[in-house]
Amino acid sequence: MARQFTGKKLEPVLLAADERLTGRGVLGATIGNILEFYDFGTYSFFAIQIGQAFFPAGDPFASLMLSLATFGAGFVTRPIGAIVLGSYSDRVGRRPAMTASFAMMSAAILVLAVTPSHETIGVAAPLLVIFARLVQGFALGGEVGPTTAYLMEAAPPERRGLAVSFQPASQQIAATAGALIGEILSLTMTSEALNAYGWRIALLLGAATLPFGLWLRSTLPETLHRPEVPAPVVQPAKRSPAARRIMSLGFIILASCTIITYITGYMTTYALNTLQVSAPLAFATTLISNTVGIAAALLGGWLADRAGRRHIMIWPQITAFLMTYPVFLWIAETRSALALLGGLGALTLIGTIPYSAFYVSMAEGLPKNIRGGAFATIYAFAIAIFGGTAQPVVAWLTQVTGNALAPAWYMLVASAAGLCAMLMMPETAPLKIQSAVNNQSPP
């Protein structure tokens, strides 16, 4: 660790000589991601209750759709946040961009948690909720790119996959925490209390991380000014065809990942509304799925460091594609705890592995001077277009067709598109590339 003059003062800078990415660094980089996905997950889990509080309507389905549409409003400002905060991270540093993002998302979740209901303050209630969602979207738009870049830059080349895998793993941790809180509240509170204020408790628990998160991020060493560790990865120039190809393929894969992630996050509402199962089983479905997803995300990064990025993207993606329809058919026909917990858990285990390998491959393939901004922008547009619409589309398809397999149809299309793009991604693992260079060198 050293200090380097960056603008107005001496800043802590992580040097190439530092051999490891500490647990504190990982937590500092991912705590914003954890908070934001906890909040997004909590909103999804309590979509019915939030719809009743802020969007009362004579038709329960109309109330739910208004709630989900507001959930989607948070995706509108993500591209703006990605461009503003992502480019800021490439010019000034990863740490200040991450700190600003965390402060904004914490304030927004607090506003959402304490806003009175429509019954109390009328139309001001949904307007405040929409405003909070727009601020949250802006903050998260500038969150993923800088944090992914930070994790990759702070880790040694041979452990980049595992380090970056904490990015998707943190999303699963957040979703698991939200599902666990929902499960506990559904078991300990009456239906009336859960509908009235139980969801507010869940949101306030997330907002409680604000002081700790701000302190932790403000003390992180900067990686933007760190010399790149010599590695046999030949990065494309900023506007080269290779860079544009990586960004185009990355957009498709992120769109695929987004659709699958948000459909999985919708499973609590799906289980309650479509399958008509009990609330504890509905919350347990997402809880088990996300818990498995944590292990799968870390496993994917660990495997990507050993077997290369492409193999760990492609083969698990093929397996998940083949599993999707049979698993949903099993769930729809039996509506049993075994199908919901076991089937969805197995699908999540296999389906999460490829995306950890992709995250590090995308970060490695982008030039450092645009890494944070480009990753953030591509991610934000994929999320805005496909994440913001995934749950309303699935709810609409299920309602219109009356078929409980509607989520599987959408997941299959997304999975197939992601697989095609993964097949065209280059190998970026430093050790794999070095091995290929050595094999091609003359004796």
Protein backbone atom coordinates (compact mmCIF):
# COMPACT_ATOMS: atom_id res chain seq x y z
CA MET A 1 0.00 0.00 0.00
CA ALA A 2 1.24 3.50 -0.77
CA ARG A 3 -0.04 7.04 -1.12
CA GLN A 4 -0.12 8.90 -4.39
CA PHE A 5 -0.90 12.53 -5.18
CA THR A 6 -4.21 12.51 -7.09
CA GLY A 7 -5.50 16.00 -7.66
CA LYS A 8 -5.84 17.74 -4.30
CA LYS A 9 -4.45 15.32 -1.73
CA LEU A 10 -2.56 12.15 -1.08
CA GLU A 11 -4.77 9.10 -1.63
CA PRO A 12 -4.17 5.47 -0.61
CA VAL A 13 -3.31 3.52 -3.75
CA LEU A 14 -3.08 -0.25 -4.14
CA LEU A 15 0.27 -1.10 -5.71
CA ALA A 16 1.14 -3.96 -8.05
CA ALA A 17 3.27 -5.41 -5.27
CA ASP A 18 0.22 -6.04 -3.10
CA GLU A 19 -0.42 -9.76 -3.42
CA ARG A 20 -3.98 -10.12 -2.21
CA LEU A 21 -7.40 -8.53 -2.17
CA THR A 22 -8.43 -8.36 1.49
CA GLY A 23 -11.83 -9.32 2.83
CA ARG A 24 -12.33 -5.69 3.82
CA GLY A 25 -11.71 -4.63 0.24
CA VAL A 26 -14.22 -7.17 -1.08
CA LEU A 27 -16.86 -6.08 1.44
CA GLY A 28 -16.21 -2.41 0.74
CA ALA A 29 -16.57 -2.95 -3.00
CA THR A 30 -19.70 -5.06 -2.77
CA ILE A 31 -21.62 -3.52 0.15
CA GLY A 32 -23.39 -1.08 -2.17
CA ASN A 33 -24.35 -3.92 -4.46
CA ILE A 34 -25.62 -5.86 -1.44
CA LEU A 35 -27.76 -2.96 -0.24
CA GLU A 36 -29.18 -2.17 -3.65
CA PHE A 37 -30.08 -5.72 -4.56
CA TYR A 38 -31.45 -6.28 -1.08
CA ASP A 39 -33.76 -3.35 -1.65
CA PHE A 40 -34.69 -4.39 -5.20
CA GLY A 41 -35.28 -7.93 -3.98
CA THR A 42 -37.35 -6.76 -1.02
CA TYR A 43 -39.47 -4.60 -3.30
CA SER A 44 -40.03 -7.60 -5.53
CA PHE A 45 -40.90 -9.91 -2.63
CA PHE A 46 -43.39 -7.41 -1.20
CA ALA A 47 -44.73 -6.18 -4.54
CA ILE A 48 -48.30 -7.11 -3.58
CA GLN A 49 -48.18 -5.28 -0.22
CA ILE A 50 -46.44 -2.22 -1.70
CA GLY A 51 -49.02 -2.09 -4.47
CA GLN A 52 -51.82 -2.06 -1.89
CA ALA A 53 -50.11 0.71 0.13
CA PHE A 54 -49.27 3.12 -2.70
CA PHE A 55 -51.35 2.00 -5.68
CA PRO A 56 -54.80 0.98 -4.42
CA ALA A 57 -57.10 -0.30 -7.14
CA GLY A 58 -60.35 -2.22 -7.36
CA ASP A 59 -58.62 -5.05 -9.23
CA PRO A 60 -55.78 -6.74 -7.28
CA PHE A 61 -54.02 -7.54 -10.57
CA ALA A 62 -54.10 -3.85 -11.57
CA SER A 63 -52.60 -2.90 -8.20
CA LEU A 64 -49.83 -5.47 -8.65
CA MET A 65 -49.06 -4.26 -12.18
CA LEU A 66 -48.83 -0.64 -10.99
CA SER A 67 -46.43 -1.75 -8.25
CA LEU A 68 -44.28 -3.69 -10.73
CA ALA A 69 -44.33 -0.76 -13.17
CA THR A 70 -42.94 1.48 -10.40
CA PHE A 71 -40.35 -1.20 -9.69
CA GLY A 72 -39.42 -0.88 -13.36
CA ALA A 73 -39.20 2.93 -13.11
CA GLY A 74 -35.92 2.48 -11.26
CA PHE A 75 -34.41 1.09 -14.44
CA VAL A 76 -35.11 4.23 -16.49
CA THR A 77 -32.35 6.26 -14.81
CA ARG A 78 -29.79 3.46 -14.72
CA PRO A 79 -28.16 4.35 -18.04
CA ILE A 80 -27.81 7.98 -16.92
CA GLY A 81 -26.17 6.91 -13.67
CA ALA A 82 -23.92 4.50 -15.55
CA ILE A 83 -22.67 7.20 -17.91
CA VAL A 84 -22.21 9.84 -15.20
CA LEU A 85 -20.77 7.75 -12.36
CA GLY A 86 -19.06 5.17 -14.60
CA SER A 87 -17.10 7.79 -16.54
CA TYR A 88 -16.38 9.58 -13.24
CA SER A 89 -14.76 6.38 -11.96
CA ASP A 90 -12.54 6.22 -15.07
CA ARG A 91 -11.45 9.85 -14.72
CA VAL A 92 -11.23 10.39 -10.94
CA GLY A 93 -11.22 6.97 -9.33
CA ARG A 94 -13.22 3.90 -8.41
CA ARG A 95 -13.54 4.82 -4.74
CA PRO A 96 -15.24 8.26 -5.03
CA ALA A 97 -17.69 6.89 -7.61
CA MET A 98 -18.58 3.96 -5.36
CA THR A 99 -19.00 6.22 -2.32
CA ALA A 100 -21.33 8.61 -4.15
CA SER A 101 -23.41 5.71 -5.46
CA PHE A 102 -23.79 4.18 -2.01
CA ALA A 103 -24.86 7.47 -0.41
CA MET A 104 -27.59 8.04 -2.99
CA MET A 105 -29.02 4.54 -2.84
CA SER A 106 -29.09 4.60 0.97
CA ALA A 107 -31.02 7.88 1.01
CA ALA A 108 -33.48 6.55 -1.56
CA ILE A 109 -34.25 3.34 0.33
CA LEU A 110 -34.88 5.40 3.47
CA VAL A 111 -37.37 7.60 1.63
CA LEU A 112 -39.16 4.54 0.27
CA ALA A 113 -39.38 2.98 3.74
CA VAL A 114 -40.88 5.99 5.52
CA THR A 115 -43.24 7.38 2.86
CA PRO A 116 -46.83 7.32 4.17
CA SER A 117 -49.43 5.32 2.28
CA HIS A 118 -51.81 6.59 -0.40
CA GLU A 119 -54.60 6.51 2.16
CA THR A 120 -52.67 8.99 4.34
CA ILE A 121 -51.22 11.55 1.90
CA GLY A 122 -52.97 10.76 -1.36
CA VAL A 123 -51.22 11.10 -4.71
CA ALA A 124 -48.03 12.39 -3.06
CA ALA A 125 -47.32 8.84 -1.86
CA PRO A 126 -46.84 7.20 -5.28
CA LEU A 127 -44.97 10.27 -6.53
CA LEU A 128 -42.46 10.01 -3.66
CA VAL A 129 -42.06 6.28 -4.27
CA ILE A 130 -41.40 6.85 -7.97
CA PHE A 131 -38.85 9.57 -7.13
CA ALA A 132 -37.04 7.21 -4.74
CA ARG A 133 -36.98 4.50 -7.39
CA LEU A 134 -35.50 6.91 -9.95
CA VAL A 135 -32.71 7.92 -7.55
CA GLN A 136 -32.03 4.27 -6.76
CA GLY A 137 -31.80 3.44 -10.44
CA PHE A 138 -29.31 6.27 -11.03
CA ALA A 139 -27.17 5.08 -8.11
CA LEU A 140 -27.11 1.43 -9.12
CA GLY A 141 -26.42 2.38 -12.73
CA GLY A 142 -23.08 3.74 -11.57
CA GLU A 143 -22.44 0.97 -9.05
CA VAL A 144 -21.73 -2.24 -10.92
CA GLY A 145 -19.11 -0.98 -13.39
CA PRO A 146 -16.74 0.70 -10.91
CA THR A 147 -17.04 -2.11 -8.35
CA THR A 148 -16.38 -4.82 -10.93
CA ALA A 149 -13.38 -2.87 -12.22
CA TYR A 150 -12.15 -2.41 -8.65
CA LEU A 151 -12.36 -6.11 -7.80
CA MET A 152 -10.52 -7.10 -10.98
CA GLU A 153 -7.82 -4.47 -10.62
CA ALA A 154 -7.19 -5.18 -6.94
CA ALA A 155 -6.77 -8.94 -7.39
CA PRO A 156 -3.70 -10.81 -8.68
CA PRO A 157 -4.18 -12.20 -12.23
CA GLU A 158 -4.47 -15.81 -11.12
CA ARG A 159 -7.34 -14.99 -8.73
CA ARG A 160 -9.30 -12.44 -10.72
CA GLY A 161 -12.13 -14.85 -11.43
CA LEU A 162 -12.76 -15.57 -7.75
CA ALA A 163 -12.40 -11.89 -6.82
CA VAL A 164 -14.87 -10.68 -9.45
CA SER A 165 -17.28 -13.52 -8.61
CA PHE A 166 -18.02 -11.69 -5.37
CA GLN A 167 -19.91 -9.19 -7.54
CA PRO A 168 -22.67 -11.62 -8.64
CA ALA A 169 -22.35 -13.45 -5.31
CA SER A 170 -23.12 -10.22 -3.47
CA GLN A 171 -26.31 -9.90 -5.48
CA GLN A 172 -27.32 -13.38 -4.37
CA ILE A 173 -26.36 -12.57 -0.77
CA ALA A 174 -28.59 -9.51 -0.89
CA ALA A 175 -31.49 -11.41 -2.41
CA THR A 176 -31.02 -14.16 0.18
CA ALA A 177 -31.05 -11.63 3.01
CA GLY A 178 -34.24 -10.10 1.61
CA ALA A 179 -35.89 -13.49 1.27
CA LEU A 180 -34.79 -14.48 4.79
CA ILE A 181 -36.25 -11.30 6.24
CA GLY A 182 -39.45 -11.90 4.28
CA GLU A 183 -39.62 -15.48 5.54
CA ILE A 184 -39.13 -14.41 9.16
CA LEU A 185 -41.70 -11.63 8.90
CA SER A 186 -44.24 -13.90 7.20
CA LEU A 187 -43.86 -16.46 10.01
CA THR A 188 -43.94 -14.02 12.93
CA MET A 189 -46.48 -11.41 11.79
CA THR A 190 -50.16 -11.61 11.00
CA SER A 191 -51.25 -11.03 7.43
CA GLU A 192 -52.73 -7.67 8.41
CA ALA A 193 -49.49 -6.50 10.05
CA LEU A 194 -47.38 -7.79 7.17
CA ASN A 195 -49.49 -5.88 4.67
CA ALA A 196 -49.58 -2.72 6.77
CA TYR A 197 -45.95 -2.26 7.85
CA GLY A 198 -43.97 -5.51 7.66
CA TRP A 199 -42.39 -4.54 4.33
CA ARG A 200 -41.30 -1.20 5.86
CA ILE A 201 -39.35 -3.06 8.53
CA ALA A 202 -37.54 -5.03 5.83
CA LEU A 203 -36.53 -1.84 3.99
CA LEU A 204 -35.39 -0.04 7.15
CA LEU A 205 -33.11 -2.95 8.03
CA GLY A 206 -31.31 -2.35 4.73
CA ALA A 207 -31.05 1.41 5.32
CA ALA A 208 -29.32 0.71 8.66
CA THR A 209 -26.10 -0.15 6.76
CA LEU A 210 -25.65 3.48 5.63
CA PRO A 211 -23.08 4.69 8.24
CA PHE A 212 -20.97 1.53 8.08
CA GLY A 213 -21.01 1.40 4.29
CA LEU A 214 -19.98 5.03 3.86
CA TRP A 215 -17.10 4.62 6.31
CA LEU A 216 -15.93 1.38 4.70
CA ARG A 217 -15.92 2.74 1.17
CA SER A 218 -14.22 5.98 2.15
CA THR A 219 -11.21 4.02 3.43
CA LEU A 220 -10.71 1.77 0.39
CA PRO A 221 -7.38 2.09 -1.49
CA GLU A 222 -7.70 3.38 -5.05
CA THR A 223 -6.96 1.03 -7.96
CA LEU A 224 -7.39 3.37 -10.95
CA HIS A 225 -3.86 4.73 -10.46
CA ARG A 226 -2.36 1.33 -9.76
CA PRO A 227 0.02 0.07 -12.46
CA GLU A 228 -1.49 -2.94 -14.20
CA VAL A 229 0.12 -6.19 -13.14
CA PRO A 230 2.06 -7.49 -16.16
CA ALA A 231 -0.15 -10.11 -17.75
CA PRO A 232 -0.33 -11.65 -21.24
CA VAL A 233 -3.78 -10.19 -21.88
CA VAL A 234 -3.69 -7.98 -24.95
CA GLN A 235 -6.48 -5.48 -24.43
CA PRO A 236 -8.17 -3.80 -27.39
CA ALA A 237 -7.90 -0.07 -27.95
CA LYS A 238 -10.75 2.14 -26.74
CA ARG A 239 -12.69 2.21 -30.01
CA SER A 240 -11.25 -0.76 -31.82
CA PRO A 241 -13.47 -3.38 -33.50
CA ALA A 242 -12.36 -5.86 -30.81
CA ALA A 243 -13.56 -3.55 -28.03
CA ARG A 244 -16.88 -2.96 -29.77
CA ARG A 245 -17.31 -6.70 -30.30
CA ILE A 246 -16.74 -7.43 -26.61
CA MET A 247 -19.22 -4.73 -25.61
CA SER A 248 -21.85 -6.00 -28.06
CA LEU A 249 -21.53 -9.59 -26.89
CA GLY A 250 -21.47 -8.40 -23.30
CA PHE A 251 -24.76 -6.59 -23.78
CA ILE A 252 -26.45 -9.77 -25.03
CA ILE A 253 -25.08 -11.88 -22.19
CA LEU A 254 -26.03 -9.29 -19.58
CA ALA A 255 -29.52 -9.09 -21.04
CA SER A 256 -29.81 -12.86 -20.77
CA CYS A 257 -28.50 -12.85 -17.21
CA THR A 258 -30.82 -10.00 -16.25
CA ILE A 259 -33.97 -11.71 -17.51
CA ILE A 260 -33.11 -14.96 -15.74
CA THR A 261 -32.16 -13.18 -12.49
CA TYR A 262 -35.32 -11.09 -12.31
CA ILE A 263 -37.60 -13.98 -13.21
CA THR A 264 -35.97 -15.95 -10.40
CA GLY A 265 -36.50 -12.97 -8.09
CA TYR A 266 -40.17 -12.90 -9.14
CA MET A 267 -40.70 -16.48 -7.99
CA THR A 268 -42.08 -15.41 -4.60
CA THR A 269 -44.84 -13.37 -6.22
CA TYR A 270 -45.31 -16.08 -8.87
CA ALA A 271 -45.66 -18.77 -6.21
CA LEU A 272 -48.20 -16.70 -4.26
CA ASN A 273 -50.29 -15.40 -7.18
CA THR A 274 -50.08 -18.12 -9.81
CA LEU A 275 -49.37 -21.31 -7.86
CA GLN A 276 -51.39 -20.25 -4.81
CA VAL A 277 -48.95 -21.74 -2.30
CA SER A 278 -48.53 -20.58 1.30
CA ALA A 279 -46.52 -17.41 2.04
CA PRO A 280 -43.78 -19.26 4.00
CA LEU A 281 -43.22 -21.70 1.12
CA ALA A 282 -43.20 -18.83 -1.40
CA PHE A 283 -40.51 -16.94 0.52
CA ALA A 284 -38.57 -20.16 1.13
CA THR A 285 -38.45 -20.76 -2.63
CA THR A 286 -36.44 -17.61 -3.26
CA LEU A 287 -34.44 -18.07 -0.07
CA ILE A 288 -33.20 -21.52 -1.09
CA SER A 289 -32.59 -20.48 -4.68
CA ASN A 290 -30.51 -17.46 -3.71
CA THR A 291 -28.55 -19.34 -1.06
CA VAL A 292 -27.54 -21.86 -3.69
CA GLY A 293 -26.75 -18.97 -6.02
CA ILE A 294 -24.12 -17.59 -3.62
CA ALA A 295 -22.14 -20.82 -3.67
CA ALA A 296 -22.62 -21.19 -7.44
CA ALA A 297 -21.34 -17.66 -8.16
CA LEU A 298 -18.17 -18.20 -6.13
CA LEU A 299 -17.70 -21.67 -7.64
CA GLY A 300 -17.99 -20.17 -11.13
CA GLY A 301 -15.24 -17.65 -10.39
CA TRP A 302 -12.99 -20.28 -8.83
CA LEU A 303 -13.44 -22.59 -11.81
CA ALA A 304 -12.83 -19.73 -14.26
CA ASP A 305 -9.38 -19.20 -12.72
CA ARG A 306 -8.52 -22.84 -13.33
CA ALA A 307 -10.30 -23.87 -16.52
CA GLY A 308 -10.52 -20.55 -18.34
CA ARG A 309 -13.44 -18.21 -18.91
CA ARG A 310 -15.05 -19.73 -22.02
CA HIS A 311 -15.41 -23.33 -20.80
CA ILE A 312 -17.05 -22.20 -17.58
CA MET A 313 -19.42 -19.95 -19.48
CA ILE A 314 -20.50 -22.37 -22.17
CA TRP A 315 -21.02 -25.83 -20.64
CA PRO A 316 -23.07 -24.85 -17.58
CA GLN A 317 -25.15 -22.55 -19.79
CA ILE A 318 -26.01 -25.46 -22.08
CA THR A 319 -26.98 -27.59 -19.07
CA ALA A 320 -29.18 -24.84 -17.61
CA PHE A 321 -30.90 -24.35 -20.96
CA LEU A 322 -31.78 -28.05 -21.12
CA MET A 323 -33.03 -28.06 -17.51
CA THR A 324 -35.33 -25.00 -17.65
CA TYR A 325 -38.50 -26.41 -19.19
CA PRO A 326 -38.53 -29.74 -17.28
CA VAL A 327 -38.02 -27.93 -13.95
CA PHE A 328 -40.86 -25.48 -14.56
CA LEU A 329 -43.11 -28.27 -15.81
CA TRP A 330 -42.43 -30.17 -12.58
CA ILE A 331 -43.21 -27.06 -10.51
CA ALA A 332 -46.41 -26.21 -12.40
CA GLU A 333 -47.81 -29.73 -12.31
CA THR A 334 -47.01 -30.66 -8.71
CA ARG A 335 -46.80 -27.26 -6.95
CA SER A 336 -44.95 -29.12 -4.24
CA ALA A 337 -42.27 -27.93 -1.86
CA LEU A 338 -39.83 -30.44 -3.36
CA ALA A 339 -40.34 -29.08 -6.87
CA LEU A 340 -40.17 -25.44 -5.84
CA LEU A 341 -37.19 -25.77 -3.52
CA GLY A 342 -35.28 -28.62 -5.15
CA GLY A 343 -36.04 -27.94 -8.80
CA LEU A 344 -35.48 -24.20 -8.73
CA GLY A 345 -32.45 -24.63 -6.47
CA ALA A 346 -30.79 -27.05 -8.91
CA LEU A 347 -31.54 -24.78 -11.86
CA THR A 348 -30.06 -21.80 -10.02
CA LEU A 349 -26.95 -23.79 -9.08
CA ILE A 350 -26.13 -24.63 -12.69
CA GLY A 351 -27.41 -21.41 -14.23
CA THR A 352 -25.42 -19.04 -12.01
CA ILE A 353 -21.96 -20.51 -12.71
CA PRO A 354 -21.52 -19.10 -16.26
CA TYR A 355 -22.08 -15.49 -15.28
CA SER A 356 -19.20 -15.28 -12.80
CA ALA A 357 -16.86 -16.34 -15.61
CA PHE A 358 -18.48 -13.78 -17.88
CA TYR A 359 -18.09 -10.90 -15.41
CA VAL A 360 -14.32 -11.32 -15.18
CA SER A 361 -14.00 -11.98 -18.91
CA MET A 362 -15.84 -8.76 -19.70
CA ALA A 363 -13.74 -6.72 -17.25
CA GLU A 364 -10.48 -8.20 -18.57
CA GLY A 365 -11.44 -7.58 -22.17
CA LEU A 366 -12.16 -3.86 -21.74
CA PRO A 367 -9.38 -1.22 -21.80
CA LYS A 368 -8.68 0.19 -18.34
CA ASN A 369 -9.41 3.79 -19.30
CA ILE A 370 -13.04 2.93 -20.14
CA ARG A 371 -13.50 -0.21 -18.02
CA GLY A 372 -15.71 1.27 -15.30
CA GLY A 373 -17.84 3.42 -17.60
CA ALA A 374 -18.22 0.88 -20.41
CA PHE A 375 -19.11 -1.99 -18.09
CA ALA A 376 -21.55 0.22 -16.18
CA THR A 377 -23.21 1.55 -19.33
CA ILE A 378 -23.63 -1.82 -21.00
CA TYR A 379 -24.92 -3.33 -17.76
CA ALA A 380 -27.31 -0.42 -17.18
CA PHE A 381 -28.84 -0.54 -20.66
CA ALA A 382 -29.28 -4.32 -20.44
CA ILE A 383 -30.90 -3.94 -17.02
CA ALA A 384 -33.05 -0.97 -18.06
CA ILE A 385 -34.42 -2.68 -21.15
CA PHE A 386 -34.76 -6.25 -19.93
CA GLY A 387 -34.66 -6.07 -16.12
CA GLY A 388 -37.27 -3.38 -15.81
CA THR A 389 -39.64 -5.28 -18.08
CA ALA A 390 -38.93 -8.90 -17.06
CA GLN A 391 -41.35 -9.18 -14.17
CA PRO A 392 -44.25 -7.24 -15.75
CA VAL A 393 -43.82 -9.27 -18.95
CA VAL A 394 -43.91 -12.56 -17.05
CA ALA A 395 -46.92 -11.43 -15.00
CA TRP A 396 -48.70 -10.32 -18.18
CA LEU A 397 -47.87 -13.53 -20.09
CA THR A 398 -49.10 -15.65 -17.20
CA GLN A 399 -52.31 -13.63 -16.90
CA VAL A 400 -53.07 -13.59 -20.63
CA THR A 401 -52.25 -17.23 -21.39
CA GLY A 402 -53.38 -18.65 -18.07
CA ASN A 403 -50.35 -20.96 -18.37
CA ALA A 404 -48.09 -21.41 -15.36
CA LEU A 405 -45.18 -22.24 -17.71
CA ALA A 406 -44.99 -18.68 -19.08
CA PRO A 407 -41.82 -17.85 -17.06
CA ALA A 408 -40.06 -20.87 -18.58
CA TRP A 409 -40.73 -19.66 -22.13
CA TYR A 410 -39.12 -16.31 -21.47
CA MET A 411 -36.17 -17.88 -19.65
CA LEU A 412 -35.52 -20.27 -22.54
CA VAL A 413 -35.32 -17.44 -25.07
CA ALA A 414 -32.97 -15.48 -22.80
CA SER A 415 -30.78 -18.50 -22.08
CA ALA A 416 -30.42 -19.35 -25.78
CA ALA A 417 -29.41 -15.78 -26.66
CA GLY A 418 -26.84 -15.73 -23.87
CA LEU A 419 -25.37 -19.05 -24.99
CA CYS A 420 -24.90 -17.84 -28.57
CA ALA A 421 -23.03 -14.75 -27.35
CA MET A 422 -20.87 -16.80 -24.95
CA LEU A 423 -19.77 -19.00 -27.83
CA MET A 424 -18.34 -15.92 -29.56
CA MET A 425 -16.57 -14.44 -26.52
CA PRO A 426 -12.73 -14.60 -26.61
CA GLU A 427 -10.69 -16.30 -23.91
CA THR A 428 -9.24 -13.64 -21.59
CA ALA A 429 -7.77 -15.71 -18.73
CA PRO A 430 -4.11 -14.62 -18.39
CA LEU A 431 -2.80 -18.09 -17.59
CA LYS A 432 -4.69 -19.68 -20.48
CA ILE A 433 -3.41 -17.08 -22.92
CA GLN A 434 0.15 -17.48 -21.64
CA SER A 435 -0.10 -21.24 -22.15
CA ALA A 436 -1.33 -20.75 -25.72
CA VAL A 437 1.51 -18.31 -26.45
CA ASN A 438 4.09 -20.73 -25.06
CA ASN A 439 2.71 -23.60 -27.16
CA GLN A 440 2.91 -21.50 -30.32
CA SER A 441 6.44 -20.23 -29.64
CA PRO A 442 9.25 -21.93 -31.61
CA PRO A 443 11.55 -24.12 -29.51
